[in-house]
Amino acid sequence: MKYICRTLSIAYAHDLNTNKYAVLLGCTSDGAGGLCYDSKLEFDNPLEAWSIYIMRADALLRRRLGDKLEAEGKDRFTGDRRTA
């Protein structure tokens, strides 16, 4: 498995054995330079896999950024400071 890129707990990879592209969910480092993952979505088409990867990563990052903004007392969508 060749890991192409990773965002937080999601990775985009190419399985050299099956020549399929994968979106790996629930990724963590295995401590030896590889990844462990909870589930794997496989695709023959690399663009289809990339689209799913980008969509999942975008949703995860937006959620985390929104949570951070709310923790700072700001609106999660605009970043404007909330007024009491």
N, C-alpha and C. Protein backbone atom coordinates (compact mmCIF):
# COMPACT_ATOMS: atom_id res chain seq x y z
N MET A 1 0.85 -1.17 0.00
CA MET A 1 0.00 0.00 0.00
C MET A 1 0.89 1.23 0.00
N LYS A 2 0.69 2.11 -0.95
CA LYS A 2 1.43 3.37 -1.02
C LYS A 2 0.51 4.48 -0.55
N TYR A 3 0.86 5.13 0.55
CA TYR A 3 0.07 6.21 1.11
C TYR A 3 0.41 7.50 0.37
N ILE A 4 -0.58 8.10 -0.26
CA ILE A 4 -0.34 9.29 -1.06
C ILE A 4 -0.49 10.55 -0.23
N CYS A 5 -1.55 10.64 0.56
CA CYS A 5 -1.69 11.78 1.47
C CYS A 5 -2.63 11.42 2.61
N ARG A 6 -2.52 12.21 3.67
CA ARG A 6 -3.33 11.96 4.87
C ARG A 6 -3.75 13.29 5.47
N THR A 7 -4.99 13.36 5.90
CA THR A 7 -5.53 14.51 6.61
C THR A 7 -6.19 13.98 7.87
N LEU A 8 -5.63 14.34 9.02
CA LEU A 8 -6.13 13.88 10.31
C LEU A 8 -6.27 12.36 10.30
N SER A 9 -7.48 11.83 10.35
CA SER A 9 -7.65 10.37 10.44
C SER A 9 -8.14 9.74 9.12
N ILE A 10 -7.92 10.45 8.00
CA ILE A 10 -8.34 9.95 6.69
C ILE A 10 -7.13 9.93 5.76
N ALA A 11 -6.96 8.87 5.00
CA ALA A 11 -5.83 8.79 4.07
C ALA A 11 -6.29 8.35 2.68
N TYR A 12 -5.52 8.77 1.67
CA TYR A 12 -5.73 8.38 0.28
C TYR A 12 -4.53 7.52 -0.09
N ALA A 13 -4.79 6.35 -0.64
CA ALA A 13 -3.70 5.41 -0.89
C ALA A 13 -3.91 4.64 -2.20
N HIS A 14 -2.83 4.06 -2.68
CA HIS A 14 -2.87 3.19 -3.86
C HIS A 14 -2.36 1.81 -3.43
N ASP A 15 -3.20 0.81 -3.59
CA ASP A 15 -2.82 -0.56 -3.25
C ASP A 15 -2.08 -1.14 -4.45
N LEU A 16 -0.79 -1.29 -4.34
CA LEU A 16 0.04 -1.76 -5.45
C LEU A 16 -0.23 -3.22 -5.80
N ASN A 17 -0.73 -3.99 -4.87
CA ASN A 17 -1.03 -5.41 -5.14
C ASN A 17 -2.29 -5.58 -5.99
N THR A 18 -3.31 -4.78 -5.71
CA THR A 18 -4.58 -4.91 -6.44
C THR A 18 -4.77 -3.83 -7.50
N ASN A 19 -3.88 -2.83 -7.51
CA ASN A 19 -3.95 -1.67 -8.40
C ASN A 19 -5.25 -0.89 -8.20
N LYS A 20 -5.78 -0.91 -6.98
CA LYS A 20 -6.97 -0.14 -6.64
C LYS A 20 -6.56 1.04 -5.77
N TYR A 21 -7.41 2.05 -5.78
CA TYR A 21 -7.19 3.23 -4.96
C TYR A 21 -8.11 3.15 -3.76
N ALA A 22 -7.63 3.65 -2.62
CA ALA A 22 -8.37 3.48 -1.38
C ALA A 22 -8.46 4.77 -0.58
N VAL A 23 -9.58 4.90 0.10
CA VAL A 23 -9.76 5.93 1.11
C VAL A 23 -9.81 5.17 2.43
N LEU A 24 -8.87 5.48 3.30
CA LEU A 24 -8.75 4.78 4.58
C LEU A 24 -9.31 5.68 5.69
N LEU A 25 -10.21 5.13 6.47
CA LEU A 25 -10.87 5.89 7.52
C LEU A 25 -10.42 5.41 8.90
N GLY A 26 -10.34 6.32 9.85
CA GLY A 26 -9.92 5.96 11.20
C GLY A 26 -8.44 5.64 11.28
N CYS A 27 -7.62 6.38 10.54
CA CYS A 27 -6.18 6.11 10.48
C CYS A 27 -5.42 6.56 11.72
N THR A 28 -4.48 5.74 12.11
CA THR A 28 -3.52 6.09 13.15
C THR A 28 -2.18 5.54 12.71
N SER A 29 -1.12 6.11 13.22
CA SER A 29 0.23 5.64 12.89
C SER A 29 0.49 4.30 13.58
N ASP A 30 1.16 3.40 12.87
CA ASP A 30 1.49 2.11 13.48
C ASP A 30 2.83 2.13 14.19
N GLY A 31 3.51 3.30 14.17
CA GLY A 31 4.78 3.45 14.85
C GLY A 31 5.98 2.99 14.03
N ALA A 32 5.73 2.38 12.87
CA ALA A 32 6.82 1.89 12.02
C ALA A 32 6.78 2.55 10.63
N GLY A 33 6.11 3.70 10.54
CA GLY A 33 6.03 4.41 9.27
C GLY A 33 4.82 4.06 8.43
N GLY A 34 3.98 3.17 8.93
CA GLY A 34 2.76 2.78 8.22
C GLY A 34 1.53 3.29 8.93
N LEU A 35 0.39 2.85 8.46
CA LEU A 35 -0.88 3.27 9.05
C LEU A 35 -1.74 2.07 9.42
N CYS A 36 -2.46 2.20 10.50
CA CYS A 36 -3.54 1.27 10.85
C CYS A 36 -4.82 2.02 10.55
N TYR A 37 -5.87 1.32 10.14
CA TYR A 37 -7.13 1.98 9.83
C TYR A 37 -8.31 1.10 10.21
N ASP A 38 -9.45 1.77 10.42
CA ASP A 38 -10.67 1.06 10.82
C ASP A 38 -11.41 0.50 9.63
N SER A 39 -11.49 1.27 8.54
CA SER A 39 -12.20 0.79 7.36
C SER A 39 -11.54 1.31 6.08
N LYS A 40 -11.81 0.61 4.99
CA LYS A 40 -11.17 0.90 3.71
C LYS A 40 -12.22 0.91 2.60
N LEU A 41 -12.29 2.01 1.86
CA LEU A 41 -13.17 2.12 0.71
C LEU A 41 -12.29 1.99 -0.53
N GLU A 42 -12.57 1.01 -1.40
CA GLU A 42 -11.73 0.77 -2.57
C GLU A 42 -12.42 1.19 -3.86
N PHE A 43 -11.60 1.70 -4.79
CA PHE A 43 -12.11 2.18 -6.07
C PHE A 43 -11.14 1.80 -7.19
N ASP A 44 -11.68 1.50 -8.35
CA ASP A 44 -10.85 1.28 -9.54
C ASP A 44 -10.41 2.62 -10.13
N ASN A 45 -11.27 3.62 -10.00
CA ASN A 45 -11.03 4.94 -10.57
C ASN A 45 -10.36 5.84 -9.53
N PRO A 46 -9.13 6.31 -9.79
CA PRO A 46 -8.44 7.16 -8.81
C PRO A 46 -9.16 8.49 -8.57
N LEU A 47 -9.85 9.03 -9.58
CA LEU A 47 -10.57 10.30 -9.38
C LEU A 47 -11.78 10.13 -8.47
N GLU A 48 -12.43 8.99 -8.57
CA GLU A 48 -13.55 8.71 -7.68
C GLU A 48 -13.06 8.61 -6.23
N ALA A 49 -11.96 7.91 -6.05
CA ALA A 49 -11.38 7.78 -4.70
C ALA A 49 -10.95 9.14 -4.17
N TRP A 50 -10.32 9.96 -5.03
CA TRP A 50 -9.87 11.29 -4.61
C TRP A 50 -11.05 12.16 -4.22
N SER A 51 -12.13 12.10 -4.97
CA SER A 51 -13.32 12.90 -4.65
C SER A 51 -13.89 12.52 -3.29
N ILE A 52 -13.95 11.23 -3.01
CA ILE A 52 -14.45 10.77 -1.70
C ILE A 52 -13.50 11.22 -0.60
N TYR A 53 -12.20 11.09 -0.83
CA TYR A 53 -11.20 11.51 0.16
C TYR A 53 -11.37 13.00 0.48
N ILE A 54 -11.44 13.84 -0.55
CA ILE A 54 -11.55 15.29 -0.35
C ILE A 54 -12.85 15.63 0.37
N MET A 55 -13.95 14.98 -0.01
CA MET A 55 -15.24 15.25 0.62
C MET A 55 -15.19 14.89 2.11
N ARG A 56 -14.64 13.72 2.44
CA ARG A 56 -14.56 13.29 3.84
C ARG A 56 -13.62 14.19 4.64
N ALA A 57 -12.45 14.52 4.06
CA ALA A 57 -11.48 15.37 4.75
C ALA A 57 -12.06 16.76 4.99
N ASP A 58 -12.74 17.31 3.99
CA ASP A 58 -13.35 18.63 4.11
C ASP A 58 -14.36 18.65 5.25
N ALA A 59 -15.22 17.65 5.31
CA ALA A 59 -16.24 17.59 6.36
C ALA A 59 -15.59 17.49 7.75
N LEU A 60 -14.57 16.66 7.86
CA LEU A 60 -13.88 16.49 9.14
C LEU A 60 -13.19 17.78 9.58
N LEU A 61 -12.50 18.44 8.66
CA LEU A 61 -11.81 19.68 9.00
C LEU A 61 -12.79 20.80 9.34
N ARG A 62 -13.88 20.91 8.59
CA ARG A 62 -14.88 21.94 8.90
C ARG A 62 -15.48 21.74 10.28
N ARG A 63 -15.73 20.48 10.63
CA ARG A 63 -16.28 20.18 11.95
C ARG A 63 -15.29 20.58 13.04
N ARG A 64 -14.02 20.22 12.85
CA ARG A 64 -13.02 20.56 13.88
C ARG A 64 -12.81 22.07 14.00
N LEU A 65 -12.76 22.75 12.85
CA LEU A 65 -12.61 24.21 12.89
C LEU A 65 -13.81 24.88 13.55
N GLY A 66 -15.01 24.40 13.23
CA GLY A 66 -16.22 24.94 13.85
C GLY A 66 -16.22 24.74 15.34
N ASP A 67 -15.81 23.56 15.80
CA ASP A 67 -15.74 23.29 17.24
C ASP A 67 -14.73 24.23 17.91
N LYS A 68 -13.60 24.48 17.25
CA LYS A 68 -12.58 25.37 17.80
C LYS A 68 -13.12 26.80 17.90
N LEU A 69 -13.80 27.25 16.86
CA LEU A 69 -14.38 28.60 16.89
C LEU A 69 -15.40 28.73 18.01
N GLU A 70 -16.28 27.73 18.16
CA GLU A 70 -17.28 27.78 19.22
C GLU A 70 -16.63 27.80 20.60
N ALA A 71 -15.55 27.05 20.77
CA ALA A 71 -14.84 27.03 22.05
C ALA A 71 -14.24 28.39 22.37
N GLU A 72 -13.97 29.19 21.33
CA GLU A 72 -13.43 30.53 21.51
C GLU A 72 -14.53 31.59 21.61
N GLY A 73 -15.80 31.13 21.66
CA GLY A 73 -16.91 32.06 21.78
C GLY A 73 -17.28 32.72 20.46
N LYS A 74 -16.98 32.05 19.35
CA LYS A 74 -17.27 32.61 18.03
C LYS A 74 -18.29 31.73 17.32
N ASP A 75 -18.93 32.33 16.30
CA ASP A 75 -19.88 31.59 15.47
C ASP A 75 -19.11 30.57 14.64
N ARG A 76 -19.58 29.31 14.63
CA ARG A 76 -18.85 28.24 13.95
C ARG A 76 -18.83 28.39 12.43
N PHE A 77 -19.75 29.18 11.86
CA PHE A 77 -19.82 29.30 10.41
C PHE A 77 -19.16 30.57 9.88
N THR A 78 -19.22 31.66 10.65
CA THR A 78 -18.67 32.93 10.17
C THR A 78 -17.37 33.33 10.88
N GLY A 79 -17.15 32.80 12.08
CA GLY A 79 -15.98 33.19 12.87
C GLY A 79 -16.18 34.50 13.62
N ASP A 80 -17.35 35.10 13.47
CA ASP A 80 -17.64 36.35 14.19
C ASP A 80 -17.80 36.07 15.68
N ARG A 81 -17.28 37.00 16.48
CA ARG A 81 -17.43 36.87 17.92
C ARG A 81 -18.90 36.99 18.29
N ARG A 82 -19.34 36.08 19.15
CA ARG A 82 -20.74 36.10 19.61
C ARG A 82 -20.93 37.21 20.62
N THR A 83 -22.10 37.81 20.56
CA THR A 83 -22.44 38.83 21.55
C THR A 83 -23.47 38.25 22.50
N ALA A 84 -23.41 38.68 23.75
CA ALA A 84 -24.31 38.15 24.77
C ALA A 84 -25.71 38.65 24.65
